[in-house]
Amino acid sequence: MSLKSFASVLFLSAIIAFTFSSCTGTKATVTGLENEGYLEFTSSTTRYSERVEVFVGDREPFYALVFRDKPNRIRTEKYALPPGNHKVLVRYNGVDIYQQTVFLSAQETRKIELP
Protein backbone atom coordinates (compact mmCIF):
# COMPACT_ATOMS: atom_id res chain seq x y z
CA MET A 1 0.00 0.00 0.00
CA SER A 2 1.44 3.33 -1.00
CA LEU A 3 1.78 6.25 1.32
CA LYS A 4 -0.74 8.24 -0.73
CA SER A 5 -3.47 5.57 -0.50
CA PHE A 6 -2.74 5.05 3.21
CA ALA A 7 -3.19 8.81 3.81
CA SER A 8 -6.48 8.75 1.85
CA VAL A 9 -7.83 5.82 3.91
CA LEU A 10 -6.75 7.51 7.14
CA PHE A 11 -8.40 10.78 6.08
CA LEU A 12 -11.69 9.07 5.13
CA SER A 13 -11.68 7.12 8.41
CA ALA A 14 -11.23 10.35 10.36
CA ILE A 15 -14.12 12.02 8.50
CA ILE A 16 -16.43 9.03 9.06
CA ALA A 17 -15.53 8.86 12.77
CA PHE A 18 -16.11 12.59 13.19
CA THR A 19 -19.46 12.42 11.35
CA PHE A 20 -20.84 9.59 13.49
CA SER A 21 -19.55 10.99 16.76
CA SER A 22 -21.31 14.32 16.23
CA CYS A 23 -24.76 12.90 15.33
CA THR A 24 -26.43 13.35 18.71
CA GLY A 25 -29.18 15.64 17.40
CA THR A 26 -30.28 18.95 18.81
CA LYS A 27 -31.54 19.01 22.35
CA ALA A 28 -33.13 22.04 23.94
CA THR A 29 -34.34 22.25 27.50
CA VAL A 30 -36.15 25.20 29.00
CA THR A 31 -36.69 25.19 32.72
CA GLY A 32 -37.23 27.73 35.43
CA LEU A 33 -35.15 27.99 38.51
CA GLU A 34 -35.36 24.96 40.77
CA ASN A 35 -36.36 27.06 43.76
CA GLU A 36 -39.37 28.85 42.23
CA GLY A 37 -43.06 28.20 41.96
CA TYR A 38 -45.40 30.06 39.62
CA LEU A 39 -48.80 31.73 39.69
CA GLU A 40 -51.03 32.23 36.67
CA PHE A 41 -54.38 33.99 36.66
CA THR A 42 -57.41 32.80 34.69
CA SER A 43 -61.13 33.50 34.55
CA SER A 44 -64.11 31.97 32.76
CA THR A 45 -65.25 35.49 31.81
CA THR A 46 -63.70 38.30 29.77
CA ARG A 47 -64.42 40.87 32.46
CA TYR A 48 -60.75 41.56 33.28
CA SER A 49 -59.66 43.46 30.18
CA GLU A 50 -57.09 45.41 32.18
CA ARG A 51 -54.48 43.89 34.44
CA VAL A 52 -55.37 42.96 38.00
CA GLU A 53 -53.31 44.13 40.96
CA VAL A 54 -51.77 41.26 42.95
CA PHE A 55 -50.50 41.45 46.52
CA VAL A 56 -48.42 38.53 47.81
CA GLY A 57 -47.61 38.74 51.51
CA ASP A 58 -45.45 41.77 52.33
CA ARG A 59 -43.98 42.04 48.82
CA GLU A 60 -44.51 44.98 46.50
CA PRO A 61 -47.75 44.55 44.51
CA PHE A 62 -47.54 43.73 40.81
CA TYR A 63 -49.95 43.81 37.89
CA ALA A 64 -50.91 40.56 36.19
CA LEU A 65 -52.72 39.63 33.01
CA VAL A 66 -55.81 37.44 33.32
CA PHE A 67 -56.37 34.88 30.58
CA ARG A 68 -59.63 33.21 29.66
CA ASP A 69 -59.59 29.63 30.93
CA LYS A 70 -59.91 27.45 27.83
CA PRO A 71 -58.57 23.91 27.34
CA ASN A 72 -56.67 24.84 24.16
CA ARG A 73 -55.19 28.05 25.57
CA ILE A 74 -51.62 28.53 24.40
CA ARG A 75 -50.77 32.01 25.64
CA THR A 76 -50.19 32.61 29.33
CA GLU A 77 -48.08 34.62 31.71
CA LYS A 78 -46.61 33.11 34.85
CA TYR A 79 -45.32 34.99 37.87
CA ALA A 80 -42.46 33.48 39.88
CA LEU A 81 -42.44 33.16 43.68
CA PRO A 82 -40.32 31.17 46.11
CA PRO A 83 -41.86 27.91 47.36
CA GLY A 84 -43.97 28.02 50.53
CA ASN A 85 -47.21 29.50 51.87
CA HIS A 86 -48.24 32.86 50.42
CA LYS A 87 -51.20 35.11 51.21
CA VAL A 88 -52.51 36.18 47.81
CA LEU A 89 -54.88 39.13 47.38
CA VAL A 90 -56.12 40.09 43.90
CA ARG A 91 -57.73 43.48 43.35
CA TYR A 92 -59.50 44.78 40.22
CA ASN A 93 -60.59 48.43 39.95
CA GLY A 94 -60.12 48.86 43.71
CA VAL A 95 -62.29 45.85 44.65
CA ASP A 96 -60.84 42.73 46.29
CA ILE A 97 -61.88 39.79 44.09
CA TYR A 98 -59.71 36.98 45.48
CA GLN A 99 -58.03 36.38 48.82
CA GLN A 100 -56.52 33.09 49.90
CA THR A 101 -53.38 31.51 51.29
CA VAL A 102 -51.80 29.24 48.69
CA PHE A 103 -48.93 26.78 49.00
CA LEU A 104 -46.44 26.63 46.14
CA SER A 105 -43.99 23.79 45.64
CA ALA A 106 -40.79 24.22 43.65
CA GLN A 107 -41.50 24.11 39.89
CA GLU A 108 -45.28 24.07 40.53
CA THR A 109 -47.63 26.32 38.58
CA ARG A 110 -50.71 27.26 40.59
CA LYS A 111 -53.67 28.47 38.57
CA ILE A 112 -55.69 31.15 40.36
CA GLU A 113 -59.24 31.06 39.01
CA LEU A 114 -60.85 34.48 39.39
CA PRO A 115 -64.65 34.97 39.55
C-alpha atoms as a PDB file:
ATOM      1  CA  MET A   1       0.000   0.000   0.000  1.00  0.00           C
ATOM      2  CA  SER A   2       1.436   3.328  -0.995  1.00  0.00           C
ATOM      3  CA  LEU A   3       1.780   6.247   1.323  1.00  0.00           C
ATOM      4  CA  LYS A   4      -0.742   8.241  -0.733  1.00  0.00           C
ATOM      5  CA  SER A   5      -3.471   5.573  -0.503  1.00  0.00           C
ATOM      6  CA  PHE A   6      -2.736   5.047   3.211  1.00  0.00           C
ATOM      7  CA  ALA A   7      -3.186   8.809   3.811  1.00  0.00           C
ATOM      8  CA  SER A   8      -6.477   8.750   1.854  1.00  0.00           C
ATOM      9  CA  VAL A   9      -7.825   5.821   3.906  1.00  0.00           C
ATOM     10  CA  LEU A  10      -6.751   7.509   7.138  1.00  0.00           C
ATOM     11  CA  PHE A  11      -8.397  10.783   6.082  1.00  0.00           C
ATOM     12  CA  LEU A  12     -11.689   9.066   5.134  1.00  0.00           C
ATOM     13  CA  SER A  13     -11.678   7.120   8.412  1.00  0.00           C
ATOM     14  CA  ALA A  14     -11.229  10.353  10.363  1.00  0.00           C
ATOM     15  CA  ILE A  15     -14.119  12.018   8.503  1.00  0.00           C
ATOM     16  CA  ILE A  16     -16.431   9.034   9.062  1.00  0.00           C
ATOM     17  CA  ALA A  17     -15.534   8.855  12.769  1.00  0.00           C
ATOM     18  CA  PHE A  18     -16.113  12.593  13.192  1.00  0.00           C
ATOM     19  CA  THR A  19     -19.460  12.420  11.353  1.00  0.00           C
ATOM     20  CA  PHE A  20     -20.837   9.591  13.493  1.00  0.00           C
ATOM     21  CA  SER A  21     -19.549  10.988  16.763  1.00  0.00           C
ATOM     22  CA  SER A  22     -21.311  14.321  16.226  1.00  0.00           C
ATOM     23  CA  CYS A  23     -24.758  12.902  15.328  1.00  0.00           C
ATOM     24  CA  THR A  24     -26.427  13.353  18.706  1.00  0.00           C
ATOM     25  CA  GLY A  25     -29.177  15.638  17.398  1.00  0.00           C
ATOM     26  CA  THR A  26     -30.279  18.945  18.805  1.00  0.00           C
ATOM     27  CA  LYS A  27     -31.536  19.010  22.352  1.00  0.00           C
ATOM     28  CA  ALA A  28     -33.133  22.037  23.938  1.00  0.00           C
ATOM     29  CA  THR A  29     -34.342  22.254  27.496  1.00  0.00           C
ATOM     30  CA  VAL A  30     -36.155  25.205  28.997  1.00  0.00           C
ATOM     31  CA  THR A  31     -36.686  25.195  32.724  1.00  0.00           C
ATOM     32  CA  GLY A  32     -37.231  27.730  35.432  1.00  0.00           C
ATOM     33  CA  LEU A  33     -35.153  27.993  38.512  1.00  0.00           C
ATOM     34  CA  GLU A  34     -35.359  24.965  40.774  1.00  0.00           C
ATOM     35  CA  ASN A  35     -36.362  27.058  43.760  1.00  0.00           C
ATOM     36  CA  GLU A  36     -39.366  28.845  42.231  1.00  0.00           C
ATOM     37  CA  GLY A  37     -43.065  28.204  41.958  1.00  0.00           C
ATOM     38  CA  TYR A  38     -45.395  30.060  39.618  1.00  0.00           C
ATOM     39  CA  LEU A  39     -48.805  31.733  39.690  1.00  0.00           C
ATOM     40  CA  GLU A  40     -51.028  32.231  36.667  1.00  0.00           C
ATOM     41  CA  PHE A  41     -54.381  33.989  36.660  1.00  0.00           C
ATOM     42  CA  THR A  42     -57.407  32.804  34.688  1.00  0.00           C
ATOM     43  CA  SER A  43     -61.129  33.497  34.546  1.00  0.00           C
ATOM     44  CA  SER A  44     -64.106  31.972  32.758  1.00  0.00           C
ATOM     45  CA  THR A  45     -65.247  35.489  31.807  1.00  0.00           C
ATOM     46  CA  THR A  46     -63.704  38.296  29.770  1.00  0.00           C
ATOM     47  CA  ARG A  47     -64.421  40.873  32.457  1.00  0.00           C
ATOM     48  CA  TYR A  48     -60.749  41.563  33.277  1.00  0.00           C
ATOM     49  CA  SER A  49     -59.660  43.458  30.178  1.00  0.00           C
ATOM     50  CA  GLU A  50     -57.090  45.406  32.184  1.00  0.00           C
ATOM     51  CA  ARG A  51     -54.476  43.889  34.439  1.00  0.00           C
ATOM     52  CA  VAL A  52     -55.367  42.958  38.002  1.00  0.00           C
ATOM     53  CA  GLU A  53     -53.313  44.131  40.963  1.00  0.00           C
ATOM     54  CA  VAL A  54     -51.767  41.263  42.945  1.00  0.00           C
ATOM     55  CA  PHE A  55     -50.505  41.454  46.524  1.00  0.00           C
ATOM     56  CA  VAL A  56     -48.424  38.534  47.815  1.00  0.00           C
ATOM     57  CA  GLY A  57     -47.607  38.739  51.512  1.00  0.00           C
ATOM     58  CA  ASP A  58     -45.445  41.769  52.327  1.00  0.00           C
ATOM     59  CA  ARG A  59     -43.978  42.035  48.817  1.00  0.00           C
ATOM     60  CA  GLU A  60     -44.510  44.980  46.498  1.00  0.00           C
ATOM     61  CA  PRO A  61     -47.753  44.549  44.514  1.00  0.00           C
ATOM     62  CA  PHE A  62     -47.536  43.731  40.815  1.00  0.00           C
ATOM     63  CA  TYR A  63     -49.949  43.812  37.894  1.00  0.00           C
ATOM     64  CA  ALA A  64     -50.906  40.556  36.190  1.00  0.00           C
ATOM     65  CA  LEU A  65     -52.718  39.629  33.007  1.00  0.00           C
ATOM     66  CA  VAL A  66     -55.809  37.436  33.321  1.00  0.00           C
ATOM     67  CA  PHE A  67     -56.372  34.876  30.581  1.00  0.00           C
ATOM     68  CA  ARG A  68     -59.627  33.207  29.656  1.00  0.00           C
ATOM     69  CA  ASP A  69     -59.592  29.626  30.932  1.00  0.00           C
ATOM     70  CA  LYS A  70     -59.908  27.445  27.833  1.00  0.00           C
ATOM     71  CA  PRO A  71     -58.565  23.913  27.343  1.00  0.00           C
ATOM     72  CA  ASN A  72     -56.674  24.838  24.162  1.00  0.00           C
ATOM     73  CA  ARG A  73     -55.187  28.048  25.574  1.00  0.00           C
ATOM     74  CA  ILE A  74     -51.624  28.533  24.405  1.00  0.00           C
ATOM     75  CA  ARG A  75     -50.772  32.010  25.636  1.00  0.00           C
ATOM     76  CA  THR A  76     -50.189  32.609  29.328  1.00  0.00           C
ATOM     77  CA  GLU A  77     -48.079  34.622  31.714  1.00  0.00           C
ATOM     78  CA  LYS A  78     -46.609  33.115  34.855  1.00  0.00           C
ATOM     79  CA  TYR A  79     -45.318  34.993  37.871  1.00  0.00           C
ATOM     80  CA  ALA A  80     -42.456  33.479  39.880  1.00  0.00           C
ATOM     81  CA  LEU A  81     -42.438  33.162  43.675  1.00  0.00           C
ATOM     82  CA  PRO A  82     -40.324  31.170  46.112  1.00  0.00           C
ATOM     83  CA  PRO A  83     -41.862  27.905  47.358  1.00  0.00           C
ATOM     84  CA  GLY A  84     -43.966  28.019  50.531  1.00  0.00           C
ATOM     85  CA  ASN A  85     -47.207  29.504  51.866  1.00  0.00           C
ATOM     86  CA  HIS A  86     -48.236  32.860  50.417  1.00  0.00           C
ATOM     87  CA  LYS A  87     -51.198  35.111  51.213  1.00  0.00           C
ATOM     88  CA  VAL A  88     -52.507  36.180  47.808  1.00  0.00           C
ATOM     89  CA  LEU A  89     -54.880  39.126  47.375  1.00  0.00           C
ATOM     90  CA  VAL A  90     -56.119  40.090  43.899  1.00  0.00           C
ATOM     91  CA  ARG A  91     -57.728  43.476  43.345  1.00  0.00           C
ATOM     92  CA  TYR A  92     -59.499  44.782  40.223  1.00  0.00           C
ATOM     93  CA  ASN A  93     -60.585  48.431  39.947  1.00  0.00           C
ATOM     94  CA  GLY A  94     -60.118  48.863  43.711  1.00  0.00           C
ATOM     95  CA  VAL A  95     -62.292  45.853  44.646  1.00  0.00           C
ATOM     96  CA  ASP A  96     -60.843  42.734  46.285  1.00  0.00           C
ATOM     97  CA  ILE A  97     -61.881  39.790  44.091  1.00  0.00           C
ATOM     98  CA  TYR A  98     -59.705  36.978  45.480  1.00  0.00           C
ATOM     99  CA  GLN A  99     -58.033  36.381  48.822  1.00  0.00           C
ATOM    100  CA  GLN A 100     -56.520  33.093  49.896  1.00  0.00           C
ATOM    101  CA  THR A 101     -53.377  31.505  51.294  1.00  0.00           C
ATOM    102  CA  VAL A 102     -51.799  29.238  48.688  1.00  0.00           C
ATOM    103  CA  PHE A 103     -48.931  26.783  49.001  1.00  0.00           C
ATOM    104  CA  LEU A 104     -46.439  26.634  46.142  1.00  0.00           C
ATOM    105  CA  SER A 105     -43.988  23.791  45.639  1.00  0.00           C
ATOM    106  CA  ALA A 106     -40.791  24.223  43.652  1.00  0.00           C
ATOM    107  CA  GLN A 107     -41.497  24.111  39.891  1.00  0.00           C
ATOM    108  CA  GLU A 108     -45.282  24.066  40.532  1.00  0.00           C
ATOM    109  CA  THR A 109     -47.627  26.324  38.577  1.00  0.00           C
ATOM    110  CA  ARG A 110     -50.706  27.259  40.595  1.00  0.00           C
ATOM    111  CA  LYS A 111     -53.667  28.467  38.571  1.00  0.00           C
ATOM    112  CA  ILE A 112     -55.687  31.154  40.362  1.00  0.00           C
ATOM    113  CA  GLU A 113     -59.239  31.061  39.015  1.00  0.00           C
ATOM    114  CA  LEU A 114     -60.848  34.484  39.393  1.00  0.00           C
ATOM    115  CA  PRO A 115     -64.645  34.972  39.549  1.00  0.00           C
END
